[in-house]
Amino acid sequence: MVTATVTQVTREQVVEALEDVHDAHVPVSLRSMGMLADVEVEGDRVVVSMCIPCMACPAISFLTDQVRARVLAIDGVAAVDVEPGLHLSWDRDSVDTRTRELMRANGIQL
């Protein structure tokens, strides 16, 4: 009898994997930009909710595709749903301090 080993995916694994997905305008993670609203893991299924700052953002499909691909690359993930979160309110205060300083140093105003 052969038994399959099931890898339990954690929220922390997903958040860590998403550090490789960067904002379209500033080379920092979505989390650093305050654009990672929530991550839910239920068995082998993951739901990622983003908070896109601009409803007319031309990079929405690019970002959702990048998030989907990165999460599906995690061992144990069978399906991922990415919600752009256009109904959520993004705020400048959600940008982390390090990213805010990086932006200021490069002449980017928030």
Protein backbone atom coordinates (compact mmCIF):
# COMPACT_ATOMS: atom_id res chain seq x y z
CA MET A 1 0.00 0.00 0.00
CA VAL A 2 1.33 3.42 -0.97
CA THR A 3 0.34 6.45 1.05
CA ALA A 4 0.76 9.98 -0.17
CA THR A 5 2.37 12.58 2.02
CA VAL A 6 0.23 15.68 2.22
CA THR A 7 2.05 18.95 2.81
CA GLN A 8 0.12 21.31 5.06
CA VAL A 9 0.35 24.82 3.67
CA THR A 10 0.50 27.67 6.19
CA ARG A 11 -0.45 31.32 5.92
CA GLU A 12 3.14 32.22 6.78
CA GLN A 13 4.45 30.21 3.80
CA VAL A 14 2.12 32.06 1.46
CA VAL A 15 3.02 35.49 2.85
CA GLU A 16 6.73 34.65 2.56
CA ALA A 17 6.32 33.45 -1.04
CA LEU A 18 4.52 36.67 -1.93
CA GLU A 19 7.56 38.72 -0.88
CA ASP A 20 8.79 37.94 -4.42
CA VAL A 21 5.80 39.70 -6.01
CA HIS A 22 6.58 43.40 -6.30
CA ASP A 23 4.49 46.49 -6.81
CA ALA A 24 4.40 47.56 -10.46
CA HIS A 25 5.91 50.99 -9.72
CA VAL A 26 8.20 50.47 -6.72
CA PRO A 27 10.42 47.38 -6.42
CA VAL A 28 9.11 46.25 -3.03
CA SER A 29 6.68 43.52 -2.02
CA LEU A 30 2.93 43.95 -2.06
CA ARG A 31 2.98 43.50 1.73
CA SER A 32 5.46 46.38 2.11
CA MET A 33 3.20 48.60 0.01
CA GLY A 34 0.17 47.70 2.13
CA MET A 35 -1.43 45.91 -0.81
CA LEU A 36 -1.65 42.44 0.75
CA ALA A 37 -4.98 42.62 2.57
CA ASP A 38 -5.45 39.00 3.67
CA VAL A 39 -4.38 35.41 3.11
CA GLU A 40 -6.66 32.49 3.94
CA VAL A 41 -5.56 28.86 3.74
CA GLU A 42 -8.08 26.02 3.80
CA GLY A 43 -6.32 22.71 3.20
CA ASP A 44 -4.78 22.87 -0.27
CA ARG A 45 -6.75 25.98 -1.32
CA VAL A 46 -5.57 29.55 -0.81
CA VAL A 47 -7.42 32.85 -1.09
CA VAL A 48 -5.30 35.99 -1.42
CA SER A 49 -7.01 39.35 -1.05
CA MET A 50 -5.12 42.35 -2.34
CA CYS A 51 -5.85 46.04 -1.87
CA ILE A 52 -5.07 47.84 -5.12
CA PRO A 53 -4.55 51.60 -4.53
CA CYS A 54 -5.99 52.68 -7.88
CA MET A 55 -9.18 51.28 -9.41
CA ALA A 56 -7.84 52.06 -12.89
CA CYS A 57 -4.47 50.40 -12.21
CA PRO A 58 -3.26 48.93 -15.52
CA ALA A 59 -1.19 46.34 -13.64
CA ILE A 60 -4.09 44.57 -11.88
CA SER A 61 -4.07 41.53 -14.16
CA PHE A 62 -0.26 41.40 -14.09
CA LEU A 63 -0.22 41.47 -10.28
CA THR A 64 -3.01 38.91 -9.89
CA ASP A 65 -1.25 36.60 -12.37
CA GLN A 66 2.04 36.98 -10.47
CA VAL A 67 0.36 36.28 -7.12
CA ARG A 68 -1.46 33.24 -8.52
CA ALA A 69 1.72 31.78 -10.07
CA ARG A 70 3.79 32.35 -6.94
CA VAL A 71 1.21 30.74 -4.64
CA LEU A 72 0.64 27.77 -6.97
CA ALA A 73 4.41 27.13 -6.86
CA ILE A 74 4.14 26.31 -3.14
CA ASP A 75 4.21 22.57 -2.50
CA GLY A 76 0.78 21.48 -1.33
CA VAL A 77 -1.27 24.25 -2.99
CA ALA A 78 -3.82 22.90 -5.47
CA ALA A 79 -5.87 26.04 -6.11
CA VAL A 80 -5.63 29.76 -5.49
CA ASP A 81 -8.19 32.52 -5.78
CA VAL A 82 -6.81 36.06 -6.05
CA GLU A 83 -9.17 38.90 -5.23
CA PRO A 84 -7.96 42.35 -6.35
CA GLY A 85 -9.86 43.99 -3.50
CA LEU A 86 -10.96 47.05 -5.44
CA HIS A 87 -13.70 47.49 -2.84
CA LEU A 88 -11.10 47.86 -0.07
CA SER A 89 -9.71 51.22 0.90
CA TRP A 90 -5.93 51.48 0.52
CA ASP A 91 -4.25 54.12 2.66
CA ARG A 92 -0.76 55.65 2.58
CA ASP A 93 -0.36 54.70 6.23
CA SER A 94 -0.38 51.02 5.25
CA VAL A 95 3.02 51.40 3.53
CA ASP A 96 5.70 50.11 5.91
CA THR A 97 8.32 52.50 7.31
CA ARG A 98 11.29 51.06 5.37
CA THR A 99 9.42 51.34 2.08
CA ARG A 100 8.26 54.87 2.89
CA GLU A 101 11.91 55.87 3.52
CA LEU A 102 13.05 54.16 0.29
CA MET A 103 10.41 56.01 -1.68
CA ARG A 104 11.31 59.36 -0.11
CA ALA A 105 15.02 58.79 -0.84
CA ASN A 106 14.15 58.19 -4.50
CA GLY A 107 11.92 61.23 -4.85
CA ILE A 108 8.62 59.36 -4.77
CA GLN A 109 5.90 61.20 -2.88
CA LEU A 110 3.12 59.35 -1.12
